[in-house]
Amino acid sequence: MSFLYHRRTKKVVKVLWGIIAILVIISMIIFFAPGVVNLATGY
């Protein structure tokens, strides 16, 4: 498990967490506020 503490691995994990966080935020916006999506797309 020592690879978890490697410098490059920490960077990769940070990037992955950022991507996951952005996906969660976008999905929550779409799920809880469908009107926002309708306004943005023009439907």
Protein backbone atom coordinates (compact mmCIF):
# COMPACT_ATOMS: atom_id res chain seq x y z
CA MET A 1 0.00 0.00 0.00
CA SER A 2 3.04 2.29 -0.05
CA PHE A 3 2.08 3.44 -3.58
CA LEU A 4 -0.77 5.43 -2.01
CA TYR A 5 1.79 7.81 -0.50
CA HIS A 6 3.75 8.34 -3.70
CA ARG A 7 3.84 11.96 -4.90
CA ARG A 8 2.46 11.20 -8.38
CA THR A 9 -0.31 9.02 -6.94
CA LYS A 10 -1.42 11.84 -4.64
CA LYS A 11 -1.69 14.14 -7.66
CA VAL A 12 -3.72 11.58 -9.62
CA VAL A 13 -6.05 11.02 -6.66
CA LYS A 14 -6.60 14.78 -6.33
CA VAL A 15 -7.48 15.04 -10.03
CA LEU A 16 -9.84 12.07 -9.79
CA TRP A 17 -11.56 13.56 -6.73
CA GLY A 18 -11.98 16.84 -8.58
CA ILE A 19 -13.59 15.09 -11.55
CA ILE A 20 -15.89 13.08 -9.28
CA ALA A 21 -16.88 16.23 -7.36
CA ILE A 22 -17.71 18.10 -10.59
CA LEU A 23 -19.79 15.17 -11.86
CA VAL A 24 -21.70 15.00 -8.56
CA ILE A 25 -22.37 18.75 -8.60
CA ILE A 26 -23.63 18.65 -12.20
CA SER A 27 -25.83 15.62 -11.55
CA MET A 28 -27.30 17.25 -8.42
CA ILE A 29 -28.10 20.43 -10.37
CA ILE A 30 -29.80 18.39 -13.11
CA PHE A 31 -31.67 16.21 -10.59
CA PHE A 32 -32.87 18.92 -8.20
CA ALA A 33 -33.39 21.79 -10.67
CA PRO A 34 -34.59 20.49 -14.05
CA GLY A 35 -35.86 24.00 -14.88
CA VAL A 36 -32.27 25.26 -15.01
CA VAL A 37 -31.46 22.70 -17.70
CA ASN A 38 -34.57 23.72 -19.67
CA LEU A 39 -33.54 27.38 -19.53
CA ALA A 40 -29.96 26.57 -20.57
CA THR A 41 -30.94 24.36 -23.53
CA GLY A 42 -33.83 26.55 -24.65
CA TYR A 43 -36.59 23.98 -24.30
